[in-house]
């Protein structure tokens, strides 16, 4: 198991991350029904209209989920998706709870890529290569693990990119796998990934 509880607490400090989940919304609705909307609003310091929106399925800030689940166990709900941004610009992603060989492969492939924050506050995860088939394989693995695909674009002749601004995943790579974000010349393949690859051979 990956230390997802610690990762979620880290995301709470970063800020700007929300959670979408019908199961979580149902748990919130049951909590409000039991404790009362006005009481919950007063105790949590949240406007009643806003709180009503959360129980109807709107994406919920992590600061609210931690009130409902102090142990952050909500991440075990199968429909939980993490997101950042506003409205239609949100990219909803699944956070894996197990270190698999597929995830280890994606982390290792970042040696031919880039993970960093641009000046315009885009949180880019990028894979770079000259082999389109290899990048297509990367994209299939990415979709299978995170529930979202990357966007393909052509660079200079013979150079292709897979990329997307994905704040939760960028910080997943940083927090769990020690990616420095930005200049990765000194970044080494984490030992825990080596073990995962060996276990699945």
N, C-alpha and C. Protein backbone atom coordinates (compact mmCIF):
# COMPACT_ATOMS: atom_id res chain seq x y z
N UNK A 1 0.83 -1.21 0.00
CA UNK A 1 0.00 0.00 0.00
C UNK A 1 0.87 1.26 0.00
N UNK A 2 0.49 2.21 -0.81
CA UNK A 2 1.16 3.51 -0.78
C UNK A 2 0.63 4.32 0.41
N UNK A 3 1.44 5.22 0.95
CA UNK A 3 1.01 6.03 2.11
C UNK A 3 0.07 7.16 1.68
N UNK A 4 -1.13 6.78 1.24
CA UNK A 4 -2.06 7.75 0.66
C UNK A 4 -2.59 8.72 1.72
N UNK A 5 -2.79 8.24 2.95
CA UNK A 5 -3.25 9.15 4.01
C UNK A 5 -2.28 10.31 4.19
N UNK A 6 -0.99 10.00 4.23
CA UNK A 6 0.03 11.06 4.37
C UNK A 6 0.00 11.98 3.15
N UNK A 7 -0.20 11.40 1.99
CA UNK A 7 -0.24 12.20 0.75
C UNK A 7 -1.43 13.15 0.77
N UNK A 8 -2.59 12.68 1.22
CA UNK A 8 -3.77 13.54 1.28
C UNK A 8 -3.56 14.70 2.25
N UNK A 9 -2.93 14.41 3.38
CA UNK A 9 -2.63 15.48 4.34
C UNK A 9 -1.66 16.49 3.72
N UNK A 10 -0.74 16.01 2.91
CA UNK A 10 0.18 16.91 2.20
C UNK A 10 -0.60 17.79 1.21
N UNK A 11 -1.56 17.20 0.49
CA UNK A 11 -2.37 17.96 -0.46
C UNK A 11 -3.20 19.02 0.25
N UNK A 12 -3.68 18.71 1.45
CA UNK A 12 -4.45 19.68 2.21
C UNK A 12 -3.62 20.93 2.49
N UNK A 13 -2.33 20.74 2.77
CA UNK A 13 -1.44 21.88 3.03
C UNK A 13 -1.16 22.67 1.75
N UNK A 14 -1.06 21.94 0.62
CA UNK A 14 -0.82 22.61 -0.67
C UNK A 14 -2.02 23.49 -1.02
N UNK A 15 -3.22 22.96 -0.83
CA UNK A 15 -4.44 23.70 -1.13
C UNK A 15 -4.85 23.59 -2.59
N UNK A 16 -6.10 23.91 -2.85
CA UNK A 16 -6.60 23.94 -4.22
C UNK A 16 -6.99 22.60 -4.80
N UNK A 17 -7.01 21.53 -3.98
CA UNK A 17 -7.38 20.20 -4.45
C UNK A 17 -8.77 19.87 -3.92
N UNK A 18 -9.60 19.31 -4.79
CA UNK A 18 -10.96 18.94 -4.41
C UNK A 18 -11.19 17.45 -4.73
N UNK A 19 -12.29 16.92 -4.21
CA UNK A 19 -12.63 15.51 -4.39
C UNK A 19 -14.05 15.40 -4.94
N UNK A 20 -14.22 14.54 -5.94
CA UNK A 20 -15.53 14.26 -6.50
C UNK A 20 -15.87 12.80 -6.26
N UNK A 21 -17.02 12.53 -5.67
CA UNK A 21 -17.41 11.15 -5.37
C UNK A 21 -18.87 11.11 -4.97
N UNK A 22 -19.67 10.30 -5.66
CA UNK A 22 -21.07 10.14 -5.28
C UNK A 22 -21.19 9.49 -3.91
N UNK A 23 -20.28 8.53 -3.64
CA UNK A 23 -20.32 7.84 -2.35
C UNK A 23 -19.98 8.80 -1.22
N UNK A 24 -19.01 9.68 -1.47
CA UNK A 24 -18.63 10.67 -0.46
C UNK A 24 -19.77 11.66 -0.24
N UNK A 25 -20.42 12.08 -1.33
CA UNK A 25 -21.55 13.00 -1.21
C UNK A 25 -22.68 12.37 -0.41
N UNK A 26 -22.89 11.07 -0.61
CA UNK A 26 -23.93 10.36 0.15
C UNK A 26 -23.59 10.33 1.63
N UNK A 27 -22.32 10.07 1.95
CA UNK A 27 -21.89 10.07 3.35
C UNK A 27 -22.09 11.44 3.97
N UNK A 28 -21.80 12.49 3.22
CA UNK A 28 -21.98 13.86 3.71
C UNK A 28 -23.46 14.16 3.93
N UNK A 29 -24.30 13.73 2.98
CA UNK A 29 -25.74 13.96 3.11
C UNK A 29 -26.29 13.25 4.34
N UNK A 30 -25.82 12.03 4.60
CA UNK A 30 -26.27 11.28 5.78
C UNK A 30 -25.82 11.98 7.07
N UNK A 31 -24.59 12.50 7.04
CA UNK A 31 -24.07 13.21 8.21
C UNK A 31 -24.91 14.45 8.50
N UNK A 32 -25.23 15.20 7.46
CA UNK A 32 -26.02 16.43 7.62
C UNK A 32 -27.43 16.11 8.08
N UNK A 33 -27.99 15.02 7.53
CA UNK A 33 -29.34 14.63 7.95
C UNK A 33 -29.37 14.26 9.43
N UNK A 34 -28.32 13.62 9.90
CA UNK A 34 -28.25 13.20 11.30
C UNK A 34 -27.98 14.37 12.24
N UNK A 35 -27.11 15.29 11.83
CA UNK A 35 -26.67 16.37 12.71
C UNK A 35 -27.40 17.70 12.46
N UNK A 36 -28.05 17.81 11.30
CA UNK A 36 -28.73 19.04 10.96
C UNK A 36 -27.86 19.95 10.12
N UNK A 37 -28.46 20.59 9.12
CA UNK A 37 -27.71 21.46 8.22
C UNK A 37 -27.17 22.68 8.95
N UNK A 38 -27.99 23.31 9.76
CA UNK A 38 -27.57 24.53 10.47
C UNK A 38 -26.45 24.23 11.45
N UNK A 39 -26.59 23.11 12.18
CA UNK A 39 -25.55 22.74 13.16
C UNK A 39 -24.23 22.43 12.47
N UNK A 40 -24.29 21.65 11.39
CA UNK A 40 -23.08 21.31 10.65
C UNK A 40 -22.44 22.56 10.06
N UNK A 41 -23.27 23.44 9.51
CA UNK A 41 -22.77 24.69 8.94
C UNK A 41 -22.05 25.52 9.99
N UNK A 42 -22.62 25.60 11.17
CA UNK A 42 -22.03 26.40 12.25
C UNK A 42 -20.74 25.75 12.77
N UNK A 43 -20.76 24.44 12.97
CA UNK A 43 -19.59 23.74 13.50
C UNK A 43 -18.42 23.77 12.53
N UNK A 44 -18.71 23.63 11.25
CA UNK A 44 -17.64 23.57 10.25
C UNK A 44 -17.28 24.93 9.68
N UNK A 45 -18.10 25.95 9.99
CA UNK A 45 -17.82 27.29 9.48
C UNK A 45 -18.01 27.41 7.98
N UNK A 46 -19.05 26.75 7.48
CA UNK A 46 -19.31 26.73 6.04
C UNK A 46 -20.74 27.21 5.78
N UNK A 47 -20.89 28.06 4.80
CA UNK A 47 -22.20 28.57 4.40
C UNK A 47 -23.15 27.41 4.10
N UNK A 48 -24.40 27.52 4.50
CA UNK A 48 -25.36 26.43 4.32
C UNK A 48 -25.62 26.12 2.85
N UNK A 49 -25.67 27.15 2.03
CA UNK A 49 -25.90 26.93 0.59
C UNK A 49 -24.74 26.15 -0.01
N UNK A 50 -23.53 26.53 0.36
CA UNK A 50 -22.34 25.82 -0.13
C UNK A 50 -22.35 24.38 0.34
N UNK A 51 -22.67 24.17 1.60
CA UNK A 51 -22.71 22.83 2.17
C UNK A 51 -23.77 21.97 1.47
N UNK A 52 -24.89 22.55 1.15
CA UNK A 52 -25.95 21.83 0.43
C UNK A 52 -25.46 21.40 -0.95
N UNK A 53 -24.68 22.26 -1.59
CA UNK A 53 -24.13 21.91 -2.89
C UNK A 53 -23.20 20.71 -2.83
N UNK A 54 -22.41 20.64 -1.75
CA UNK A 54 -21.49 19.51 -1.59
C UNK A 54 -22.24 18.20 -1.43
N UNK A 55 -23.32 18.21 -0.67
CA UNK A 55 -24.04 16.96 -0.45
C UNK A 55 -24.83 16.53 -1.69
N UNK A 56 -25.01 17.45 -2.63
CA UNK A 56 -25.71 17.11 -3.88
C UNK A 56 -24.75 16.65 -4.98
N UNK A 57 -23.44 16.59 -4.65
CA UNK A 57 -22.51 16.02 -5.62
C UNK A 57 -21.46 16.94 -6.17
N UNK A 58 -21.45 18.22 -5.74
CA UNK A 58 -20.37 19.11 -6.18
C UNK A 58 -19.05 18.63 -5.62
N UNK A 59 -17.96 18.95 -6.32
CA UNK A 59 -16.64 18.57 -5.82
C UNK A 59 -16.39 19.24 -4.47
N UNK A 60 -15.77 18.49 -3.56
CA UNK A 60 -15.63 18.91 -2.18
C UNK A 60 -14.17 19.21 -1.86
N UNK A 61 -13.86 20.37 -1.26
CA UNK A 61 -12.48 20.67 -0.87
C UNK A 61 -11.98 19.64 0.15
N UNK A 62 -10.68 19.35 0.09
CA UNK A 62 -10.11 18.39 1.03
C UNK A 62 -10.29 18.82 2.48
N UNK A 63 -10.35 20.12 2.71
CA UNK A 63 -10.54 20.61 4.07
C UNK A 63 -11.88 20.17 4.65
N UNK A 64 -12.86 19.92 3.77
CA UNK A 64 -14.18 19.45 4.22
C UNK A 64 -14.17 17.93 4.40
N UNK A 65 -13.53 17.23 3.49
CA UNK A 65 -13.51 15.76 3.59
C UNK A 65 -12.81 15.32 4.88
N UNK A 66 -11.82 16.10 5.33
CA UNK A 66 -11.11 15.73 6.55
C UNK A 66 -11.98 15.92 7.79
N UNK A 67 -12.99 16.78 7.70
CA UNK A 67 -13.93 16.93 8.82
C UNK A 67 -14.85 15.72 8.89
N UNK A 68 -15.23 15.21 7.74
CA UNK A 68 -16.12 14.06 7.68
C UNK A 68 -15.37 12.76 7.94
N UNK A 69 -14.14 12.69 7.45
CA UNK A 69 -13.29 11.51 7.62
C UNK A 69 -11.93 11.95 8.17
N UNK A 70 -11.80 12.14 9.47
CA UNK A 70 -10.52 12.59 10.05
C UNK A 70 -9.35 11.69 9.70
N UNK A 71 -9.62 10.39 9.48
CA UNK A 71 -8.56 9.45 9.10
C UNK A 71 -8.32 9.39 7.60
N UNK A 72 -9.06 10.21 6.83
CA UNK A 72 -8.95 10.30 5.37
C UNK A 72 -9.28 8.98 4.68
N UNK A 73 -10.10 8.12 5.31
CA UNK A 73 -10.41 6.82 4.74
C UNK A 73 -11.23 6.91 3.45
N UNK A 74 -11.77 8.10 3.15
CA UNK A 74 -12.62 8.24 1.97
C UNK A 74 -11.91 7.85 0.68
N UNK A 75 -10.56 7.89 0.69
CA UNK A 75 -9.83 7.58 -0.55
C UNK A 75 -10.07 6.14 -1.01
N UNK A 76 -10.61 5.29 -0.12
CA UNK A 76 -10.87 3.90 -0.48
C UNK A 76 -12.16 3.75 -1.29
N UNK A 77 -13.00 4.78 -1.34
CA UNK A 77 -14.20 4.71 -2.18
C UNK A 77 -13.77 4.53 -3.64
N UNK A 78 -14.31 3.55 -4.36
CA UNK A 78 -13.85 3.28 -5.72
C UNK A 78 -14.14 4.40 -6.73
N UNK A 79 -15.10 5.27 -6.42
CA UNK A 79 -15.44 6.33 -7.38
C UNK A 79 -14.78 7.66 -7.06
N UNK A 80 -13.87 7.69 -6.09
CA UNK A 80 -13.21 8.95 -5.71
C UNK A 80 -12.29 9.44 -6.82
N UNK A 81 -12.44 10.71 -7.17
CA UNK A 81 -11.55 11.35 -8.13
C UNK A 81 -11.07 12.67 -7.53
N UNK A 82 -9.78 12.95 -7.71
CA UNK A 82 -9.19 14.19 -7.22
C UNK A 82 -9.13 15.18 -8.38
N UNK A 83 -9.32 16.45 -8.08
CA UNK A 83 -9.33 17.45 -9.15
C UNK A 83 -8.82 18.79 -8.64
N UNK A 84 -8.46 19.63 -9.58
CA UNK A 84 -8.00 20.99 -9.28
C UNK A 84 -8.49 21.90 -10.38
N UNK A 85 -8.64 23.17 -10.08
CA UNK A 85 -9.15 24.10 -11.07
C UNK A 85 -10.59 24.45 -10.78
N UNK A 86 -11.26 25.03 -11.75
CA UNK A 86 -12.65 25.45 -11.56
C UNK A 86 -13.50 25.05 -12.76
N UNK A 87 -14.74 24.68 -12.47
CA UNK A 87 -15.70 24.41 -13.52
C UNK A 87 -15.25 23.37 -14.51
N UNK A 88 -15.43 23.68 -15.80
CA UNK A 88 -15.10 22.75 -16.86
C UNK A 88 -13.62 22.52 -17.05
N UNK A 89 -12.78 23.34 -16.41
CA UNK A 89 -11.34 23.18 -16.57
C UNK A 89 -10.77 22.11 -15.64
N UNK A 90 -11.61 21.54 -14.75
CA UNK A 90 -11.13 20.53 -13.81
C UNK A 90 -10.80 19.23 -14.53
N UNK A 91 -9.67 18.65 -14.18
CA UNK A 91 -9.30 17.32 -14.66
C UNK A 91 -9.43 16.35 -13.49
N UNK A 92 -10.33 15.40 -13.60
CA UNK A 92 -10.59 14.46 -12.52
C UNK A 92 -9.69 13.23 -12.68
N UNK A 93 -8.93 12.91 -11.63
CA UNK A 93 -7.98 11.82 -11.72
C UNK A 93 -8.17 10.85 -10.55
N UNK A 94 -7.81 9.60 -10.82
CA UNK A 94 -7.83 8.57 -9.79
C UNK A 94 -6.44 8.47 -9.18
N UNK A 95 -6.37 8.34 -7.86
CA UNK A 95 -5.08 8.19 -7.18
C UNK A 95 -4.89 6.72 -6.81
N UNK A 96 -3.86 6.07 -7.34
CA UNK A 96 -3.65 4.65 -7.03
C UNK A 96 -3.24 4.45 -5.58
N UNK A 97 -3.68 3.35 -5.00
CA UNK A 97 -3.34 3.05 -3.61
C UNK A 97 -2.27 1.97 -3.50
N UNK A 98 -1.98 1.31 -4.63
CA UNK A 98 -0.96 0.26 -4.65
C UNK A 98 0.18 0.65 -5.59
N UNK A 99 1.40 0.26 -5.22
CA UNK A 99 2.54 0.45 -6.11
C UNK A 99 2.65 -0.79 -6.99
N UNK A 100 2.24 -0.63 -8.24
CA UNK A 100 2.26 -1.73 -9.20
C UNK A 100 3.42 -1.57 -10.16
N UNK A 101 3.67 -2.61 -10.95
CA UNK A 101 4.73 -2.51 -11.96
C UNK A 101 4.38 -1.47 -13.00
N UNK A 102 3.07 -1.31 -13.29
CA UNK A 102 2.65 -0.30 -14.27
C UNK A 102 2.95 1.11 -13.80
N UNK A 103 2.68 1.38 -12.52
CA UNK A 103 2.99 2.70 -11.96
C UNK A 103 4.50 2.91 -11.91
N UNK A 104 5.23 1.87 -11.52
CA UNK A 104 6.69 1.97 -11.47
C UNK A 104 7.25 2.29 -12.86
N UNK A 105 6.66 1.69 -13.90
CA UNK A 105 7.11 1.96 -15.26
C UNK A 105 6.88 3.43 -15.64
N UNK A 106 5.72 3.96 -15.28
CA UNK A 106 5.42 5.36 -15.61
C UNK A 106 6.37 6.31 -14.91
N UNK A 107 6.72 6.00 -13.66
CA UNK A 107 7.67 6.86 -12.93
C UNK A 107 9.04 6.80 -13.59
N UNK A 108 9.48 5.59 -13.92
CA UNK A 108 10.79 5.44 -14.56
C UNK A 108 10.86 6.14 -15.90
N UNK A 109 9.74 6.12 -16.64
CA UNK A 109 9.70 6.76 -17.96
C UNK A 109 9.81 8.27 -17.89
N UNK A 110 9.62 8.84 -16.70
CA UNK A 110 9.76 10.29 -16.54
C UNK A 110 11.20 10.75 -16.70
N UNK A 111 12.15 9.81 -16.71
CA UNK A 111 13.53 10.18 -17.04
C UNK A 111 13.57 10.80 -18.43
N UNK A 112 12.63 10.40 -19.29
CA UNK A 112 12.47 11.00 -20.61
C UNK A 112 11.23 11.90 -20.57
N UNK A 113 11.25 12.85 -19.70
CA UNK A 113 10.09 13.72 -19.58
C UNK A 113 10.36 14.91 -18.68
N UNK A 114 9.28 15.45 -18.17
CA UNK A 114 9.38 16.65 -17.34
C UNK A 114 8.17 16.70 -16.41
N UNK A 115 8.40 17.05 -15.16
CA UNK A 115 7.34 17.29 -14.19
C UNK A 115 7.67 18.61 -13.50
N UNK A 116 6.80 19.59 -13.66
CA UNK A 116 7.11 20.88 -13.06
C UNK A 116 5.97 21.87 -13.19
N UNK A 117 6.13 23.01 -12.52
CA UNK A 117 5.12 24.06 -12.49
C UNK A 117 5.60 25.23 -13.34
N UNK A 118 4.79 25.62 -14.31
CA UNK A 118 5.16 26.72 -15.19
C UNK A 118 4.89 28.06 -14.50
N UNK A 119 5.37 29.13 -15.10
CA UNK A 119 5.15 30.47 -14.55
C UNK A 119 3.67 30.84 -14.53
N UNK A 120 2.89 30.25 -15.44
CA UNK A 120 1.45 30.51 -15.49
C UNK A 120 0.67 29.56 -14.58
N UNK A 121 1.40 28.82 -13.70
CA UNK A 121 0.78 27.93 -12.72
C UNK A 121 0.07 26.75 -13.36
N UNK A 122 0.65 26.22 -14.42
CA UNK A 122 0.20 24.94 -14.97
C UNK A 122 1.08 23.86 -14.36
N UNK A 123 0.47 22.76 -13.98
CA UNK A 123 1.17 21.69 -13.25
C UNK A 123 1.42 20.53 -14.21
N UNK A 124 2.43 20.68 -15.05
CA UNK A 124 2.60 19.77 -16.17
C UNK A 124 3.31 18.47 -15.82
N UNK A 125 2.71 17.38 -16.32
CA UNK A 125 3.35 16.07 -16.38
C UNK A 125 3.57 15.78 -17.86
N UNK A 126 4.82 15.58 -18.26
CA UNK A 126 5.16 15.46 -19.68
C UNK A 126 6.09 14.28 -19.93
N UNK A 127 5.75 13.49 -20.94
CA UNK A 127 6.63 12.43 -21.44
C UNK A 127 7.10 12.83 -22.83
N UNK A 128 8.37 12.63 -23.11
CA UNK A 128 8.96 13.06 -24.38
C UNK A 128 9.63 11.87 -25.04
N UNK A 129 9.46 11.74 -26.36
CA UNK A 129 10.11 10.63 -27.06
C UNK A 129 10.04 10.79 -28.56
N UNK A 130 10.83 9.98 -29.25
CA UNK A 130 10.83 9.97 -30.71
C UNK A 130 9.99 8.83 -31.27
N UNK A 131 9.55 7.93 -30.40
CA UNK A 131 8.78 6.75 -30.80
C UNK A 131 7.31 6.95 -30.42
N UNK A 132 6.48 7.15 -31.43
CA UNK A 132 5.06 7.42 -31.17
C UNK A 132 4.38 6.21 -30.54
N UNK A 133 4.79 5.01 -30.93
CA UNK A 133 4.18 3.81 -30.38
C UNK A 133 4.47 3.68 -28.88
N UNK A 134 5.71 4.03 -28.50
CA UNK A 134 6.07 3.99 -27.09
C UNK A 134 5.23 4.99 -26.29
N UNK A 135 5.05 6.19 -26.84
CA UNK A 135 4.23 7.19 -26.15
C UNK A 135 2.77 6.75 -26.09
N UNK A 136 2.30 6.07 -27.13
CA UNK A 136 0.94 5.54 -27.11
C UNK A 136 0.77 4.52 -25.99
N UNK A 137 1.79 3.69 -25.80
CA UNK A 137 1.77 2.71 -24.72
C UNK A 137 1.77 3.39 -23.35
N UNK A 138 2.58 4.45 -23.23
CA UNK A 138 2.60 5.24 -22.00
C UNK A 138 1.20 5.78 -21.70
N UNK A 139 0.54 6.29 -22.73
CA UNK A 139 -0.77 6.89 -22.54
C UNK A 139 -1.81 5.86 -22.10
N UNK A 140 -1.72 4.65 -22.65
CA UNK A 140 -2.65 3.59 -22.25
C UNK A 140 -2.43 3.21 -20.78
N UNK A 141 -1.17 3.12 -20.37
CA UNK A 141 -0.87 2.81 -18.97
C UNK A 141 -1.37 3.94 -18.05
N UNK A 142 -1.14 5.16 -18.49
CA UNK A 142 -1.55 6.33 -17.70
C UNK A 142 -3.06 6.33 -17.50
N UNK A 143 -3.80 6.08 -18.57
CA UNK A 143 -5.26 6.06 -18.51
C UNK A 143 -5.74 4.94 -17.59
N UNK A 144 -5.12 3.78 -17.68
CA UNK A 144 -5.52 2.64 -16.86
C UNK A 144 -5.30 2.91 -15.37
N UNK A 145 -4.23 3.61 -15.04
CA UNK A 145 -3.89 3.84 -13.62
C UNK A 145 -4.58 5.07 -13.05
N UNK A 146 -4.57 6.17 -13.80
CA UNK A 146 -5.07 7.44 -13.27
C UNK A 146 -6.47 7.81 -13.77
N UNK A 147 -7.00 7.05 -14.73
CA UNK A 147 -8.35 7.34 -15.21
C UNK A 147 -8.45 8.54 -16.11
N UNK A 148 -7.33 9.01 -16.64
CA UNK A 148 -7.32 10.16 -17.54
C UNK A 148 -6.15 9.99 -18.51
N UNK A 149 -6.34 10.43 -19.74
CA UNK A 149 -5.27 10.31 -20.73
C UNK A 149 -4.55 11.65 -20.88
N UNK A 150 -3.33 11.56 -21.39
CA UNK A 150 -2.53 12.75 -21.68
C UNK A 150 -2.79 13.22 -23.10
N UNK A 151 -2.36 14.44 -23.40
CA UNK A 151 -2.59 15.02 -24.74
C UNK A 151 -1.31 14.93 -25.56
N UNK A 152 -1.46 14.50 -26.79
CA UNK A 152 -0.32 14.31 -27.69
C UNK A 152 -0.09 15.58 -28.51
N UNK A 153 1.19 15.94 -28.67
CA UNK A 153 1.53 17.04 -29.59
C UNK A 153 2.91 16.78 -30.19
N UNK A 154 3.13 17.34 -31.36
CA UNK A 154 4.40 17.21 -32.06
C UNK A 154 5.28 18.41 -31.75
N UNK A 155 6.56 18.14 -31.53
CA UNK A 155 7.53 19.20 -31.34
C UNK A 155 8.36 19.37 -32.61
N UNK A 156 9.65 19.50 -32.43
CA UNK A 156 10.52 19.56 -33.60
C UNK A 156 10.49 18.21 -34.32
N UNK A 157 10.95 18.12 -35.56
CA UNK A 157 10.90 16.86 -36.31
C UNK A 157 11.48 15.69 -35.52
N UNK A 158 10.67 14.62 -35.41
CA UNK A 158 11.12 13.43 -34.71
C UNK A 158 10.99 13.49 -33.20
N UNK A 159 10.31 14.52 -32.68
CA UNK A 159 10.16 14.66 -31.23
C UNK A 159 8.67 14.86 -30.91
N UNK A 160 8.16 14.03 -30.01
CA UNK A 160 6.74 14.07 -29.66
C UNK A 160 6.56 14.18 -28.15
N UNK A 161 5.41 14.75 -27.78
CA UNK A 161 5.14 15.00 -26.36
C UNK A 161 3.77 14.43 -25.97
N UNK A 162 3.71 13.87 -24.77
CA UNK A 162 2.46 13.56 -24.09
C UNK A 162 2.44 14.41 -22.84
N UNK A 163 1.40 15.21 -22.65
CA UNK A 163 1.43 16.11 -21.51
C UNK A 163 0.03 16.54 -21.10
N UNK A 164 -0.06 17.02 -19.89
CA UNK A 164 -1.32 17.57 -19.38
C UNK A 164 -1.03 18.24 -18.05
N UNK A 165 -1.80 19.26 -17.73
CA UNK A 165 -1.68 19.92 -16.43
C UNK A 165 -2.54 19.15 -15.43
N UNK A 166 -1.87 18.45 -14.51
CA UNK A 166 -2.54 17.57 -13.55
C UNK A 166 -1.93 17.78 -12.17
N UNK A 167 -2.46 18.71 -11.44
CA UNK A 167 -1.89 19.09 -10.14
C UNK A 167 -1.81 17.92 -9.15
N UNK A 168 -2.88 17.13 -8.96
CA UNK A 168 -2.77 16.03 -7.99
C UNK A 168 -1.69 15.01 -8.35
N UNK A 169 -1.56 14.70 -9.64
CA UNK A 169 -0.57 13.70 -10.05
C UNK A 169 0.84 14.26 -9.97
N UNK A 170 1.01 15.53 -10.32
CA UNK A 170 2.32 16.16 -10.18
C UNK A 170 2.81 16.03 -8.73
N UNK A 171 1.93 16.34 -7.78
CA UNK A 171 2.34 16.26 -6.38
C UNK A 171 2.44 14.82 -5.88
N UNK A 172 1.73 13.90 -6.52
CA UNK A 172 1.91 12.48 -6.21
C UNK A 172 3.34 12.05 -6.55
N UNK A 173 3.81 12.43 -7.74
CA UNK A 173 5.17 12.09 -8.15
C UNK A 173 6.20 12.75 -7.23
N UNK A 174 5.89 13.94 -6.79
CA UNK A 174 6.82 14.68 -5.92
C UNK A 174 6.85 14.09 -4.51
N UNK A 175 5.69 13.88 -3.92
CA UNK A 175 5.61 13.47 -2.52
C UNK A 175 6.00 12.00 -2.32
N UNK A 176 5.50 11.12 -3.18
CA UNK A 176 5.72 9.69 -2.98
C UNK A 176 6.99 9.17 -3.63
N UNK A 177 7.47 9.86 -4.67
CA UNK A 177 8.60 9.34 -5.42
C UNK A 177 9.76 10.33 -5.56
N UNK A 178 9.71 11.37 -4.73
CA UNK A 178 10.84 12.29 -4.57
C UNK A 178 11.22 13.03 -5.85
N UNK A 179 10.28 13.22 -6.77
CA UNK A 179 10.62 14.00 -7.95
C UNK A 179 10.82 15.45 -7.54
N UNK A 180 11.91 16.10 -7.98
CA UNK A 180 12.23 17.45 -7.51
C UNK A 180 11.36 18.55 -8.10
N UNK A 181 10.55 18.25 -9.12
CA UNK A 181 9.73 19.24 -9.83
C UNK A 181 10.63 20.25 -10.52
N UNK A 182 10.73 20.12 -11.82
CA UNK A 182 11.60 21.00 -12.57
C UNK A 182 12.88 20.28 -12.98
N UNK A 183 14.01 20.83 -12.60
CA UNK A 183 15.30 20.25 -12.97
C UNK A 183 15.47 18.87 -12.33
N UNK A 184 15.53 17.83 -13.15
CA UNK A 184 15.59 16.47 -12.63
C UNK A 184 16.92 15.78 -12.95
N UNK A 185 17.96 16.56 -13.21
CA UNK A 185 19.26 15.96 -13.55
C UNK A 185 19.77 15.05 -12.44
N UNK A 186 19.55 15.45 -11.20
CA UNK A 186 20.08 14.69 -10.08
C UNK A 186 19.06 13.68 -9.53
N UNK A 187 17.89 13.60 -10.16
CA UNK A 187 16.86 12.69 -9.67
C UNK A 187 17.22 11.26 -10.02
N UNK A 188 17.13 10.38 -9.05
CA UNK A 188 17.45 8.97 -9.25
C UNK A 188 16.18 8.13 -9.14
N UNK A 189 16.17 7.03 -9.85
CA UNK A 189 15.05 6.10 -9.82
C UNK A 189 14.86 5.58 -8.40
N UNK A 190 13.72 5.86 -7.76
CA UNK A 190 13.53 5.47 -6.35
C UNK A 190 13.65 3.97 -6.13
N UNK A 191 14.25 3.59 -4.99
CA UNK A 191 14.47 2.18 -4.69
C UNK A 191 13.17 1.40 -4.58
N UNK A 192 12.11 2.05 -4.05
CA UNK A 192 10.86 1.32 -3.90
C UNK A 192 10.26 0.94 -5.25
N UNK A 193 10.58 1.71 -6.30
CA UNK A 193 10.10 1.36 -7.63
C UNK A 193 10.87 0.18 -8.19
N UNK A 194 12.15 0.10 -7.90
CA UNK A 194 12.95 -1.04 -8.33
C UNK A 194 12.38 -2.32 -7.74
N UNK A 195 12.01 -2.28 -6.45
CA UNK A 195 11.43 -3.45 -5.81
C UNK A 195 10.11 -3.82 -6.44
N UNK A 196 9.29 -2.83 -6.76
CA UNK A 196 7.97 -3.12 -7.38
C UNK A 196 8.15 -3.78 -8.73
N UNK A 197 9.12 -3.28 -9.51
CA UNK A 197 9.37 -3.86 -10.83
C UNK A 197 9.83 -5.30 -10.71
N UNK A 198 10.72 -5.56 -9.75
CA UNK A 198 11.24 -6.91 -9.57
C UNK A 198 10.14 -7.87 -9.12
N UNK A 199 9.24 -7.42 -8.29
CA UNK A 199 8.18 -8.29 -7.76
C UNK A 199 7.18 -8.68 -8.85
N UNK A 200 7.11 -7.90 -9.90
CA UNK A 200 6.12 -8.18 -10.94
C UNK A 200 6.75 -8.74 -12.21
N UNK A 201 7.98 -9.13 -12.15
CA UNK A 201 8.64 -9.73 -13.32
C UNK A 201 8.25 -11.20 -13.44
